[in-house]
Amino acid sequence: MTVRRTTAPALALALALLLLVLGGAGQARAVGYRYWSFWDLAGGKWTYATQGPSTARPSDGDVEGFRFAVSEDSRHAVQPRGKRDFAAICAGTAAERGMKRVALVIDSGTAADAPSGERPPAPRTACARVAPDASTAEALAAVAKPLRYDTNALLCAISGYPRTGCGDQVAASEPTASARPGAAEPAGHGPSVGLWAGVAAVAALGAAAVRQARRRRG
């Protein structure tokens, strides 16, 4: 009975420390990605686009949005800010026979989301007048050059912002690392060295408690 009463509190403490270590490791691995997200306006509300700007074919009168930010995934992506009314955005661009007009909302995000050493341009809108079969990427290129893409056709920069990087991974313990939104997690992203060290320390504490209890019993 003495062994049980003496050992139980120590083991409970060891278990609590283990849970803290595991919880801390989970938080350290939380990541986001710094990239341009693409949005469609439907019913006056932004919805995350289901295809990329190079394949999307907007209709005359559509409103498309882009937002640069750090987001964990599409469910947590940050929406474009500012004016989103087609009539207001395209008021200064006359309709032309055989062409379509597409309103674009371009939000470069906040200073908190900007890469180191860069300052985001102010949010703006533009009206692109393009061919009827033009993609959103072509509409964007008509009003917001230069654009930059990576080898996988991921949109990296609008109007030259940002100067470098493309879908960089961002974490509290790792400011930036080359990764892509939706890409497979690279090798080496298993439990960290710190996690295993914490587990070892907790195990050692539990073993010491048991040895101490046995000495007291003896």
N, C-alpha and C. Protein backbone atom coordinates (compact mmCIF):
# COMPACT_ATOMS: atom_id res chain seq x y z
N MET A 1 0.83 -1.21 0.00
CA MET A 1 0.00 0.00 0.00
C MET A 1 0.86 1.26 0.00
N THR A 2 2.00 1.21 0.74
CA THR A 2 2.88 2.38 0.80
C THR A 2 3.42 2.73 -0.58
N VAL A 3 3.79 1.69 -1.36
CA VAL A 3 4.33 1.93 -2.69
C VAL A 3 3.32 2.63 -3.56
N ARG A 4 2.07 2.18 -3.50
CA ARG A 4 1.04 2.78 -4.35
C ARG A 4 0.79 4.23 -3.99
N ARG A 5 0.71 4.52 -2.65
CA ARG A 5 0.42 5.89 -2.24
C ARG A 5 1.58 6.82 -2.59
N THR A 6 2.80 6.35 -2.51
CA THR A 6 3.96 7.20 -2.77
C THR A 6 4.19 7.40 -4.26
N THR A 7 3.96 6.34 -5.04
CA THR A 7 4.27 6.38 -6.46
C THR A 7 3.21 7.09 -7.27
N ALA A 8 1.95 6.96 -6.90
CA ALA A 8 0.86 7.50 -7.71
C ALA A 8 0.99 8.99 -7.99
N PRO A 9 1.26 9.85 -6.98
CA PRO A 9 1.38 11.28 -7.28
C PRO A 9 2.51 11.58 -8.25
N ALA A 10 3.64 10.88 -8.09
CA ALA A 10 4.77 11.13 -8.98
C ALA A 10 4.44 10.73 -10.41
N LEU A 11 3.76 9.58 -10.56
CA LEU A 11 3.39 9.15 -11.90
C LEU A 11 2.37 10.09 -12.52
N ALA A 12 1.46 10.60 -11.69
CA ALA A 12 0.48 11.56 -12.20
C ALA A 12 1.18 12.83 -12.69
N LEU A 13 2.19 13.27 -11.94
CA LEU A 13 2.96 14.44 -12.36
C LEU A 13 3.69 14.17 -13.67
N ALA A 14 4.26 12.97 -13.78
CA ALA A 14 4.97 12.62 -15.01
C ALA A 14 4.03 12.62 -16.20
N LEU A 15 2.82 12.09 -16.01
CA LEU A 15 1.85 12.07 -17.09
C LEU A 15 1.45 13.48 -17.50
N ALA A 16 1.26 14.36 -16.51
CA ALA A 16 0.89 15.74 -16.81
C ALA A 16 1.99 16.43 -17.61
N LEU A 17 3.24 16.19 -17.23
CA LEU A 17 4.36 16.79 -17.96
C LEU A 17 4.43 16.26 -19.39
N LEU A 18 4.14 14.97 -19.56
CA LEU A 18 4.15 14.39 -20.90
C LEU A 18 3.09 15.05 -21.78
N LEU A 19 1.91 15.28 -21.23
CA LEU A 19 0.85 15.92 -22.00
C LEU A 19 1.24 17.34 -22.39
N LEU A 20 1.92 18.04 -21.49
CA LEU A 20 2.38 19.40 -21.80
C LEU A 20 3.40 19.37 -22.93
N VAL A 21 4.30 18.40 -22.89
CA VAL A 21 5.31 18.29 -23.95
C VAL A 21 4.65 18.02 -25.29
N LEU A 22 3.70 17.07 -25.31
CA LEU A 22 3.02 16.73 -26.55
C LEU A 22 2.22 17.91 -27.08
N GLY A 23 1.54 18.63 -26.18
CA GLY A 23 0.76 19.79 -26.60
C GLY A 23 1.64 20.88 -27.16
N GLY A 24 2.78 21.13 -26.52
CA GLY A 24 3.70 22.15 -27.02
C GLY A 24 4.26 21.79 -28.37
N ALA A 25 4.53 20.49 -28.58
CA ALA A 25 5.07 20.07 -29.88
C ALA A 25 4.05 20.30 -30.97
N GLY A 26 2.76 20.05 -30.67
CA GLY A 26 1.72 20.26 -31.67
C GLY A 26 1.62 21.71 -32.07
N GLN A 27 1.75 22.62 -31.08
CA GLN A 27 1.67 24.04 -31.39
C GLN A 27 2.86 24.49 -32.21
N ALA A 28 4.05 23.95 -31.91
CA ALA A 28 5.25 24.37 -32.63
C ALA A 28 5.19 23.96 -34.09
N ARG A 29 4.43 22.89 -34.40
CA ARG A 29 4.38 22.40 -35.77
C ARG A 29 3.27 23.07 -36.58
N ALA A 30 2.43 23.91 -35.95
CA ALA A 30 1.37 24.59 -36.68
C ALA A 30 2.01 25.51 -37.71
N VAL A 31 1.56 25.41 -38.96
CA VAL A 31 2.17 26.19 -40.02
C VAL A 31 1.12 26.88 -40.87
N GLY A 32 1.57 27.85 -41.62
CA GLY A 32 0.73 28.50 -42.60
C GLY A 32 1.55 28.70 -43.86
N TYR A 33 0.93 29.25 -44.88
CA TYR A 33 1.62 29.50 -46.15
C TYR A 33 1.37 30.93 -46.58
N ARG A 34 2.40 31.59 -47.04
CA ARG A 34 2.30 32.97 -47.50
C ARG A 34 2.10 32.93 -49.02
N TYR A 35 0.89 33.28 -49.46
CA TYR A 35 0.61 33.16 -50.90
C TYR A 35 -0.60 34.01 -51.30
N TRP A 36 -0.79 34.13 -52.61
CA TRP A 36 -1.95 34.82 -53.18
C TRP A 36 -3.10 33.82 -53.30
N SER A 37 -4.18 34.06 -52.58
CA SER A 37 -5.38 33.22 -52.73
C SER A 37 -6.30 33.85 -53.77
N PHE A 38 -7.11 33.02 -54.39
CA PHE A 38 -7.96 33.44 -55.51
C PHE A 38 -9.42 33.21 -55.13
N TRP A 39 -10.27 34.23 -55.39
CA TRP A 39 -11.66 34.21 -54.93
C TRP A 39 -12.64 34.58 -56.04
N ASP A 40 -13.84 33.98 -55.96
CA ASP A 40 -14.96 34.34 -56.83
C ASP A 40 -16.01 35.06 -55.99
N LEU A 41 -16.65 36.06 -56.57
CA LEU A 41 -17.75 36.73 -55.88
C LEU A 41 -19.06 36.14 -56.40
N ALA A 42 -19.83 35.56 -55.48
CA ALA A 42 -21.11 34.95 -55.84
C ALA A 42 -22.17 35.38 -54.82
N GLY A 43 -23.22 35.99 -55.31
CA GLY A 43 -24.27 36.45 -54.40
C GLY A 43 -23.79 37.49 -53.41
N GLY A 44 -22.80 38.28 -53.82
CA GLY A 44 -22.28 39.32 -52.95
C GLY A 44 -21.30 38.83 -51.90
N LYS A 45 -20.94 37.53 -51.96
CA LYS A 45 -20.02 36.96 -50.97
C LYS A 45 -18.83 36.32 -51.67
N TRP A 46 -17.68 36.41 -51.01
CA TRP A 46 -16.48 35.78 -51.55
C TRP A 46 -16.51 34.28 -51.27
N THR A 47 -16.16 33.50 -52.29
CA THR A 47 -15.98 32.06 -52.12
C THR A 47 -14.61 31.69 -52.69
N TYR A 48 -13.93 30.79 -51.98
CA TYR A 48 -12.60 30.38 -52.41
C TYR A 48 -12.71 29.67 -53.76
N ALA A 49 -11.93 30.10 -54.73
CA ALA A 49 -12.03 29.55 -56.08
C ALA A 49 -11.66 28.07 -56.10
N THR A 50 -12.37 27.30 -56.90
CA THR A 50 -12.13 25.87 -56.99
C THR A 50 -11.14 25.51 -58.10
N GLN A 51 -10.70 26.51 -58.85
CA GLN A 51 -9.68 26.29 -59.87
C GLN A 51 -8.75 27.49 -59.91
N GLY A 52 -7.63 27.33 -60.56
CA GLY A 52 -6.65 28.41 -60.61
C GLY A 52 -7.03 29.48 -61.61
N PRO A 53 -6.42 30.66 -61.49
CA PRO A 53 -6.74 31.76 -62.40
C PRO A 53 -6.39 31.48 -63.86
N SER A 54 -5.46 30.56 -64.10
CA SER A 54 -5.08 30.27 -65.48
C SER A 54 -6.11 29.40 -66.21
N THR A 55 -6.98 28.73 -65.45
CA THR A 55 -8.01 27.89 -66.07
C THR A 55 -9.42 28.45 -65.90
N ALA A 56 -9.60 29.36 -64.94
CA ALA A 56 -10.93 29.95 -64.72
C ALA A 56 -11.28 30.88 -65.89
N ARG A 57 -12.52 30.80 -66.36
CA ARG A 57 -12.99 31.64 -67.48
C ARG A 57 -14.18 32.48 -67.00
N PRO A 58 -13.92 33.66 -66.46
CA PRO A 58 -15.01 34.49 -65.96
C PRO A 58 -15.89 35.01 -67.08
N SER A 59 -17.13 35.30 -66.74
CA SER A 59 -18.07 35.87 -67.70
C SER A 59 -18.04 37.39 -67.61
N ASP A 60 -18.60 38.02 -68.61
CA ASP A 60 -18.72 39.48 -68.58
C ASP A 60 -19.53 39.89 -67.35
N GLY A 61 -19.00 40.82 -66.56
CA GLY A 61 -19.70 41.27 -65.37
C GLY A 61 -19.29 40.57 -64.09
N ASP A 62 -18.39 39.60 -64.18
CA ASP A 62 -17.94 38.88 -62.98
C ASP A 62 -16.95 39.72 -62.18
N VAL A 63 -16.87 39.39 -60.88
CA VAL A 63 -15.90 40.02 -59.98
C VAL A 63 -15.01 38.92 -59.41
N GLU A 64 -13.70 39.07 -59.56
CA GLU A 64 -12.73 38.11 -59.06
C GLU A 64 -11.81 38.82 -58.07
N GLY A 65 -11.36 38.08 -57.06
CA GLY A 65 -10.53 38.70 -56.03
C GLY A 65 -9.25 37.94 -55.77
N PHE A 66 -8.23 38.67 -55.32
CA PHE A 66 -6.95 38.08 -54.95
C PHE A 66 -6.53 38.70 -53.62
N ARG A 67 -6.03 37.84 -52.72
CA ARG A 67 -5.58 38.32 -51.40
C ARG A 67 -4.26 37.65 -51.03
N PHE A 68 -3.27 38.48 -50.68
CA PHE A 68 -1.98 37.96 -50.23
C PHE A 68 -2.00 37.92 -48.71
N ALA A 69 -1.75 36.74 -48.15
CA ALA A 69 -1.79 36.60 -46.70
C ALA A 69 -1.14 35.28 -46.30
N VAL A 70 -0.95 35.12 -45.01
CA VAL A 70 -0.50 33.84 -44.46
C VAL A 70 -1.74 33.08 -44.02
N SER A 71 -1.98 31.93 -44.63
CA SER A 71 -3.16 31.13 -44.32
C SER A 71 -2.75 29.68 -44.13
N GLU A 72 -3.43 29.00 -43.21
CA GLU A 72 -3.12 27.59 -42.96
C GLU A 72 -3.61 26.71 -44.11
N ASP A 73 -4.82 26.99 -44.60
CA ASP A 73 -5.39 26.25 -45.72
C ASP A 73 -6.57 27.05 -46.26
N SER A 74 -7.27 26.50 -47.25
CA SER A 74 -8.36 27.24 -47.89
C SER A 74 -9.49 27.57 -46.93
N ARG A 75 -9.70 26.73 -45.91
CA ARG A 75 -10.77 27.00 -44.95
C ARG A 75 -10.47 28.21 -44.08
N HIS A 76 -9.19 28.51 -43.89
CA HIS A 76 -8.80 29.63 -43.04
C HIS A 76 -8.22 30.79 -43.85
N ALA A 77 -8.37 30.74 -45.17
CA ALA A 77 -7.82 31.80 -46.01
C ALA A 77 -8.53 33.13 -45.75
N VAL A 78 -7.77 34.21 -45.87
CA VAL A 78 -8.29 35.55 -45.60
C VAL A 78 -8.85 36.15 -46.89
N GLN A 79 -10.06 36.70 -46.82
CA GLN A 79 -10.73 37.23 -48.00
C GLN A 79 -10.20 38.61 -48.40
N PRO A 80 -10.37 38.95 -49.67
CA PRO A 80 -9.99 40.30 -50.12
C PRO A 80 -10.84 41.36 -49.43
N ARG A 81 -10.23 42.51 -49.20
CA ARG A 81 -10.94 43.63 -48.58
C ARG A 81 -11.30 44.67 -49.65
N GLY A 82 -12.19 45.56 -49.28
CA GLY A 82 -12.49 46.70 -50.14
C GLY A 82 -13.69 46.51 -51.05
N LYS A 83 -13.83 47.45 -51.98
CA LYS A 83 -14.96 47.51 -52.90
C LYS A 83 -15.06 46.23 -53.72
N ARG A 84 -16.30 45.74 -53.91
CA ARG A 84 -16.49 44.52 -54.68
C ARG A 84 -17.66 44.61 -55.66
N ASP A 85 -18.09 45.82 -55.95
CA ASP A 85 -19.24 46.04 -56.83
C ASP A 85 -18.78 46.23 -58.27
N PHE A 86 -19.27 45.40 -59.18
CA PHE A 86 -18.82 45.45 -60.57
C PHE A 86 -19.08 46.82 -61.20
N ALA A 87 -20.29 47.35 -61.00
CA ALA A 87 -20.64 48.63 -61.62
C ALA A 87 -19.71 49.74 -61.17
N ALA A 88 -19.35 49.73 -59.90
CA ALA A 88 -18.47 50.77 -59.38
C ALA A 88 -17.04 50.60 -59.89
N ILE A 89 -16.57 49.34 -59.92
CA ILE A 89 -15.19 49.09 -60.34
C ILE A 89 -14.99 49.37 -61.82
N CYS A 90 -15.98 49.02 -62.63
CA CYS A 90 -15.85 49.16 -64.08
C CYS A 90 -16.56 50.40 -64.64
N ALA A 91 -16.91 51.32 -63.76
CA ALA A 91 -17.61 52.53 -64.22
C ALA A 91 -16.79 53.32 -65.23
N GLY A 92 -15.49 53.31 -65.10
CA GLY A 92 -14.64 54.09 -66.00
C GLY A 92 -14.14 53.32 -67.20
N THR A 93 -14.58 52.08 -67.37
CA THR A 93 -14.15 51.25 -68.50
C THR A 93 -15.37 50.92 -69.35
N ALA A 94 -15.47 51.53 -70.49
CA ALA A 94 -16.65 51.35 -71.33
C ALA A 94 -16.72 49.95 -71.92
N ALA A 95 -17.94 49.44 -72.04
CA ALA A 95 -18.14 48.14 -72.68
C ALA A 95 -17.80 48.26 -74.16
N GLU A 96 -17.32 47.18 -74.72
CA GLU A 96 -16.92 47.19 -76.13
C GLU A 96 -17.41 45.91 -76.80
N ARG A 97 -17.96 46.05 -77.98
CA ARG A 97 -18.50 44.91 -78.70
C ARG A 97 -17.41 43.86 -78.93
N GLY A 98 -17.76 42.60 -78.67
CA GLY A 98 -16.81 41.52 -78.87
C GLY A 98 -15.79 41.38 -77.75
N MET A 99 -15.98 42.10 -76.65
CA MET A 99 -15.07 42.01 -75.50
C MET A 99 -15.90 41.81 -74.23
N LYS A 100 -15.24 41.39 -73.17
CA LYS A 100 -15.92 41.28 -71.88
C LYS A 100 -15.14 42.09 -70.85
N ARG A 101 -15.86 42.49 -69.81
CA ARG A 101 -15.21 43.23 -68.72
C ARG A 101 -15.26 42.37 -67.45
N VAL A 102 -14.13 42.32 -66.77
CA VAL A 102 -14.01 41.56 -65.52
C VAL A 102 -13.46 42.50 -64.45
N ALA A 103 -14.18 42.60 -63.33
CA ALA A 103 -13.71 43.45 -62.22
C ALA A 103 -12.77 42.63 -61.34
N LEU A 104 -11.67 43.24 -60.95
CA LEU A 104 -10.67 42.56 -60.14
C LEU A 104 -10.40 43.34 -58.85
N VAL A 105 -10.41 42.62 -57.74
CA VAL A 105 -10.07 43.19 -56.44
C VAL A 105 -8.72 42.61 -56.05
N ILE A 106 -7.73 43.47 -55.89
CA ILE A 106 -6.36 43.03 -55.61
C ILE A 106 -5.94 43.56 -54.25
N ASP A 107 -5.86 42.67 -53.28
CA ASP A 107 -5.53 43.05 -51.91
C ASP A 107 -4.19 42.42 -51.53
N SER A 108 -3.17 43.25 -51.40
CA SER A 108 -1.82 42.76 -51.11
C SER A 108 -1.60 42.44 -49.64
N GLY A 109 -2.64 42.55 -48.82
CA GLY A 109 -2.54 42.14 -47.43
C GLY A 109 -1.95 43.19 -46.51
N THR A 110 -1.54 42.73 -45.34
CA THR A 110 -1.05 43.63 -44.30
C THR A 110 0.46 43.47 -44.11
N ALA A 111 1.03 44.39 -43.35
CA ALA A 111 2.46 44.34 -43.08
C ALA A 111 2.83 43.07 -42.31
N ALA A 112 1.90 42.57 -41.49
CA ALA A 112 2.17 41.35 -40.72
C ALA A 112 2.35 40.14 -41.62
N ASP A 113 1.71 40.16 -42.78
CA ASP A 113 1.81 39.03 -43.71
C ASP A 113 2.92 39.20 -44.74
N ALA A 114 3.52 40.37 -44.78
CA ALA A 114 4.53 40.65 -45.81
C ALA A 114 5.83 39.91 -45.54
N PRO A 115 6.52 39.50 -46.59
CA PRO A 115 7.85 38.90 -46.41
C PRO A 115 8.80 39.93 -45.79
N SER A 116 9.83 39.44 -45.16
CA SER A 116 10.80 40.32 -44.51
C SER A 116 11.38 41.33 -45.49
N GLY A 117 11.37 42.60 -45.09
CA GLY A 117 11.95 43.65 -45.92
C GLY A 117 11.04 44.21 -46.99
N GLU A 118 9.78 43.75 -47.03
CA GLU A 118 8.85 44.25 -48.05
C GLU A 118 7.64 44.91 -47.40
N ARG A 119 7.06 45.85 -48.13
CA ARG A 119 5.86 46.55 -47.66
C ARG A 119 4.75 46.33 -48.69
N PRO A 120 3.59 45.85 -48.25
CA PRO A 120 2.52 45.56 -49.22
C PRO A 120 1.93 46.83 -49.84
N PRO A 121 1.69 46.82 -51.14
CA PRO A 121 0.99 47.95 -51.77
C PRO A 121 -0.43 48.06 -51.22
N ALA A 122 -1.03 49.22 -51.37
CA ALA A 122 -2.40 49.41 -50.90
C ALA A 122 -3.37 48.57 -51.74
N PRO A 123 -4.44 48.08 -51.12
CA PRO A 123 -5.45 47.34 -51.89
C PRO A 123 -6.00 48.21 -53.01
N ARG A 124 -6.33 47.60 -54.13
CA ARG A 124 -6.87 48.37 -55.25
C ARG A 124 -7.82 47.51 -56.07
N THR A 125 -8.55 48.16 -56.95
CA THR A 125 -9.43 47.45 -57.88
C THR A 125 -9.05 47.86 -59.29
N ALA A 126 -9.46 47.02 -60.25
CA ALA A 126 -9.18 47.31 -61.65
C ALA A 126 -10.23 46.62 -62.50
N CYS A 127 -10.47 47.17 -63.67
CA CYS A 127 -11.43 46.59 -64.59
C CYS A 127 -10.68 46.18 -65.86
N ALA A 128 -10.69 44.89 -66.15
CA ALA A 128 -10.00 44.37 -67.33
C ALA A 128 -11.00 44.18 -68.46
N ARG A 129 -10.65 44.69 -69.62
CA ARG A 129 -11.47 44.47 -70.82
C ARG A 129 -10.68 43.53 -71.73
N VAL A 130 -11.19 42.31 -71.85
CA VAL A 130 -10.43 41.26 -72.53
C VAL A 130 -11.33 40.48 -73.49
N ALA A 131 -10.72 39.57 -74.23
CA ALA A 131 -11.46 38.73 -75.18
C ALA A 131 -12.46 37.85 -74.44
N PRO A 132 -13.54 37.45 -75.10
CA PRO A 132 -14.59 36.66 -74.44
C PRO A 132 -14.11 35.35 -73.82
N ASP A 133 -13.07 34.75 -74.40
CA ASP A 133 -12.59 33.47 -73.88
C ASP A 133 -11.38 33.62 -72.96
N ALA A 134 -11.07 34.84 -72.56
CA ALA A 134 -9.89 35.08 -71.72
C ALA A 134 -10.06 34.47 -70.33
N SER A 135 -8.96 34.00 -69.78
CA SER A 135 -8.96 33.46 -68.42
C SER A 135 -8.81 34.60 -67.42
N THR A 136 -9.00 34.26 -66.15
CA THR A 136 -8.79 35.26 -65.10
C THR A 136 -7.33 35.72 -65.10
N ALA A 137 -6.41 34.79 -65.35
CA ALA A 137 -4.99 35.15 -65.39
C ALA A 137 -4.72 36.16 -66.49
N GLU A 138 -5.38 36.01 -67.63
CA GLU A 138 -5.19 36.95 -68.73
C GLU A 138 -5.80 38.31 -68.39
N ALA A 139 -6.94 38.29 -67.71
CA ALA A 139 -7.54 39.55 -67.27
C ALA A 139 -6.63 40.25 -66.27
N LEU A 140 -6.06 39.48 -65.36
CA LEU A 140 -5.16 40.05 -64.37
C LEU A 140 -3.91 40.62 -65.03
N ALA A 141 -3.38 39.92 -66.02
CA ALA A 141 -2.19 40.39 -66.72
C ALA A 141 -2.45 41.69 -67.48
N ALA A 142 -3.71 41.92 -67.86
CA ALA A 142 -4.04 43.13 -68.61
C ALA A 142 -3.99 44.38 -67.74
N VAL A 143 -4.10 44.21 -66.41
CA VAL A 143 -4.19 45.39 -65.54
C VAL A 143 -3.20 45.39 -64.38
N ALA A 144 -2.46 44.29 -64.17
CA ALA A 144 -1.62 44.21 -62.97
C ALA A 144 -0.27 43.57 -63.24
N LYS A 145 0.35 43.88 -64.37
CA LYS A 145 1.69 43.37 -64.63
C LYS A 145 2.70 44.06 -63.72
N PRO A 146 3.87 43.41 -63.46
CA PRO A 146 4.22 42.06 -63.91
C PRO A 146 3.68 40.99 -62.97
N LEU A 147 3.30 39.86 -63.55
CA LEU A 147 2.90 38.70 -62.78
C LEU A 147 4.08 37.72 -62.74
N ARG A 148 4.12 36.93 -61.69
CA ARG A 148 5.18 35.92 -61.58
C ARG A 148 4.56 34.60 -61.16
N TYR A 149 4.93 33.52 -61.86
CA TYR A 149 4.44 32.18 -61.55
C TYR A 149 5.62 31.26 -61.30
N ASP A 150 5.37 30.15 -60.58
CA ASP A 150 6.42 29.15 -60.43
C ASP A 150 6.23 28.08 -61.50
N THR A 151 7.05 27.05 -61.45
CA THR A 151 7.01 26.01 -62.49
C THR A 151 5.73 25.18 -62.45
N ASN A 152 4.99 25.27 -61.33
CA ASN A 152 3.73 24.54 -61.21
C ASN A 152 2.52 25.44 -61.48
N ALA A 153 2.77 26.61 -62.06
CA ALA A 153 1.72 27.57 -62.40
C ALA A 153 1.05 28.18 -61.17
N LEU A 154 1.73 28.14 -60.02
CA LEU A 154 1.22 28.81 -58.83
C LEU A 154 1.52 30.30 -58.95
N LEU A 155 0.50 31.13 -58.75
CA LEU A 155 0.69 32.58 -58.83
C LEU A 155 1.54 33.05 -57.66
N CYS A 156 2.69 33.64 -57.97
CA CYS A 156 3.64 34.04 -56.93
C CYS A 156 3.61 35.53 -56.64
N ALA A 157 3.38 36.36 -57.67
CA ALA A 157 3.43 37.81 -57.47
C ALA A 157 2.47 38.50 -58.42
N ILE A 158 1.84 39.57 -57.92
CA ILE A 158 0.97 40.44 -58.72
C ILE A 158 1.56 41.84 -58.66
N SER A 159 1.71 42.46 -59.82
CA SER A 159 2.35 43.78 -59.91
C SER A 159 3.72 43.78 -59.21
N GLY A 160 4.41 42.65 -59.33
CA GLY A 160 5.75 42.54 -58.77
C GLY A 160 5.81 42.31 -57.28
N TYR A 161 4.67 42.11 -56.63
CA TYR A 161 4.67 41.88 -55.18
C TYR A 161 4.19 40.47 -54.86
N PRO A 162 4.96 39.75 -54.01
CA PRO A 162 6.26 40.12 -53.44
C PRO A 162 7.38 39.91 -54.46
N ARG A 163 8.55 40.45 -54.13
CA ARG A 163 9.67 40.36 -55.07
C ARG A 163 10.20 38.94 -55.18
N THR A 164 10.19 38.22 -54.07
CA THR A 164 10.71 36.85 -54.06
C THR A 164 9.75 35.94 -53.30
N GLY A 165 10.01 34.65 -53.38
CA GLY A 165 9.21 33.68 -52.65
C GLY A 165 7.96 33.29 -53.41
N CYS A 166 7.43 32.12 -53.04
CA CYS A 166 6.22 31.64 -53.69
C CYS A 166 5.59 30.53 -52.85
N GLY A 167 4.53 30.86 -52.14
CA GLY A 167 3.88 29.86 -51.30
C GLY A 167 4.77 29.39 -50.17
N ASP A 168 5.61 30.28 -49.63
CA ASP A 168 6.55 29.89 -48.59
C ASP A 168 5.83 29.43 -47.33
N GLN A 169 6.38 28.41 -46.71
CA GLN A 169 5.84 27.91 -45.45
C GLN A 169 6.28 28.82 -44.32
N VAL A 170 5.37 29.09 -43.40
CA VAL A 170 5.66 29.99 -42.28
C VAL A 170 5.25 29.30 -40.99
N ALA A 171 6.15 29.28 -40.01
CA ALA A 171 5.86 28.71 -38.70
C ALA A 171 6.53 29.56 -37.65
N ALA A 172 6.05 29.44 -36.41
CA ALA A 172 6.61 30.24 -35.32
C ALA A 172 8.09 29.96 -35.13
N SER A 173 8.49 28.70 -35.27
CA SER A 173 9.88 28.34 -35.06
C SER A 173 10.69 28.36 -36.35
N GLU A 174 9.99 28.45 -37.50
CA GLU A 174 10.66 28.48 -38.79
C GLU A 174 10.06 29.62 -39.61
N PRO A 175 10.70 30.81 -39.63
CA PRO A 175 10.12 31.96 -40.33
C PRO A 175 9.71 31.65 -41.76
N THR A 176 10.57 31.04 -42.55
CA THR A 176 10.20 30.67 -43.91
C THR A 176 10.93 29.41 -44.30
N ALA A 177 10.31 28.63 -45.17
CA ALA A 177 10.94 27.44 -45.73
C ALA A 177 10.27 27.17 -47.05
N SER A 178 11.00 26.67 -48.02
CA SER A 178 10.44 26.43 -49.34
C SER A 178 9.44 25.29 -49.27
N ALA A 179 8.17 25.62 -49.48
CA ALA A 179 7.10 24.63 -49.50
C ALA A 179 5.96 25.22 -50.29
N ARG A 180 5.00 24.43 -50.62
CA ARG A 180 3.88 24.89 -51.43
C ARG A 180 2.57 24.55 -50.73
N PRO A 181 1.55 25.42 -50.85
CA PRO A 181 0.25 25.08 -50.28
C PRO A 181 -0.27 23.79 -50.89
N GLY A 182 -0.65 22.85 -50.04
CA GLY A 182 -1.21 21.60 -50.52
C GLY A 182 -0.16 20.57 -50.85
N ALA A 183 1.13 20.91 -50.75
CA ALA A 183 2.16 19.95 -51.08
C ALA A 183 2.30 18.93 -49.96
N ALA A 184 2.85 17.76 -50.30
CA ALA A 184 3.06 16.74 -49.29
C ALA A 184 4.06 17.23 -48.27
N GLU A 185 3.87 16.83 -47.02
CA GLU A 185 4.76 17.27 -45.96
C GLU A 185 6.13 16.65 -46.18
N PRO A 186 7.20 17.45 -46.18
CA PRO A 186 8.52 16.92 -46.47
C PRO A 186 9.01 15.98 -45.39
N ALA A 187 9.99 15.15 -45.77
CA ALA A 187 10.57 14.22 -44.81
C ALA A 187 11.20 15.00 -43.68
N GLY A 188 11.20 14.39 -42.49
CA GLY A 188 11.79 15.06 -41.36
C GLY A 188 10.79 15.84 -40.54
N HIS A 189 9.49 15.80 -40.91
CA HIS A 189 8.48 16.51 -40.15
C HIS A 189 7.80 15.61 -39.14
N GLY A 190 8.49 14.58 -38.70
CA GLY A 190 7.97 13.74 -37.64
C GLY A 190 8.18 14.42 -36.31
N PRO A 191 8.05 13.69 -35.19
CA PRO A 191 8.28 14.29 -33.88
C PRO A 191 9.65 14.93 -33.81
N SER A 192 9.74 16.09 -33.22
CA SER A 192 10.99 16.82 -33.16
C SER A 192 11.92 16.25 -32.11
N VAL A 193 13.19 16.67 -32.20
CA VAL A 193 14.17 16.25 -31.19
C VAL A 193 13.73 16.71 -29.81
N GLY A 194 13.18 17.92 -29.73
CA GLY A 194 12.72 18.44 -28.45
C GLY A 194 11.63 17.58 -27.84
N LEU A 195 10.75 17.06 -28.70
CA LEU A 195 9.67 16.21 -28.21
C LEU A 195 10.23 14.94 -27.58
N TRP A 196 11.16 14.27 -28.31
CA TRP A 196 11.73 13.04 -27.77
C TRP A 196 12.52 13.32 -26.50
N ALA A 197 13.20 14.45 -26.43
CA ALA A 197 13.94 14.79 -25.21
C ALA A 197 12.98 14.97 -24.04
N GLY A 198 11.84 15.60 -24.31
CA GLY A 198 10.85 15.79 -23.25
C GLY A 198 10.28 14.48 -22.77
N VAL A 199 9.98 13.58 -23.72
CA VAL A 199 9.46 12.27 -23.34
C VAL A 199 10.47 11.52 -22.50
N ALA A 200 11.75 11.59 -22.89
CA ALA A 200 12.80 10.90 -22.13
C ALA A 200 12.90 11.45 -20.72
N ALA A 201 12.79 12.78 -20.60
CA ALA A 201 12.89 13.40 -19.27
C ALA A 201 11.73 12.97 -18.38
N VAL A 202 10.53 12.91 -18.96
CA VAL A 202 9.36 12.50 -18.19
C VAL A 202 9.49 11.04 -17.76
N ALA A 203 9.98 10.19 -18.67
CA ALA A 203 10.17 8.78 -18.34
C ALA A 203 11.19 8.62 -17.21
N ALA A 204 12.26 9.42 -17.27
CA ALA A 204 13.28 9.35 -16.22
C ALA A 204 12.69 9.77 -14.88
N LEU A 205 11.84 10.79 -14.89
CA LEU A 205 11.21 11.25 -13.66
C LEU A 205 10.34 10.15 -13.05
N GLY A 206 9.58 9.46 -13.91
CA GLY A 206 8.73 8.39 -13.42
C GLY A 206 9.55 7.25 -12.83
N ALA A 207 10.65 6.89 -13.50
CA ALA A 207 11.50 5.81 -13.01
C ALA A 207 12.13 6.17 -11.67
N ALA A 208 12.55 7.43 -11.53
CA ALA A 208 13.15 7.87 -10.28
C ALA A 208 12.14 7.80 -9.14
N ALA A 209 10.88 8.14 -9.44
CA ALA A 209 9.85 8.08 -8.41
C ALA A 209 9.64 6.66 -7.93
N VAL A 210 9.65 5.71 -8.87
CA VAL A 210 9.46 4.31 -8.49
C VAL A 210 10.62 3.83 -7.64
N ARG A 211 11.87 4.18 -8.02
CA ARG A 211 13.04 3.75 -7.24
C ARG A 211 13.00 4.32 -5.83
N GLN A 212 12.59 5.60 -5.74
CA GLN A 212 12.52 6.22 -4.42
C GLN A 212 11.49 5.52 -3.54
N ALA A 213 10.35 5.16 -4.15
CA ALA A 213 9.31 4.49 -3.38
C ALA A 213 9.79 3.13 -2.89
N ARG A 214 10.55 2.42 -3.72
CA ARG A 214 11.06 1.11 -3.31
C ARG A 214 12.05 1.23 -2.17
N ARG A 215 12.90 2.29 -2.21
CA ARG A 215 13.85 2.48 -1.12
C ARG A 215 13.13 2.75 0.19
N ARG A 216 12.06 3.56 0.10
CA ARG A 216 11.31 3.86 1.32
C ARG A 216 10.64 2.60 1.87
N ARG A 217 10.17 1.74 0.97
CA ARG A 217 9.52 0.52 1.43
C ARG A 217 10.53 -0.39 2.11
N GLY A 218 11.77 -0.40 1.53
CA GLY A 218 12.80 -1.24 2.12
C GLY A 218 13.27 -0.69 3.45
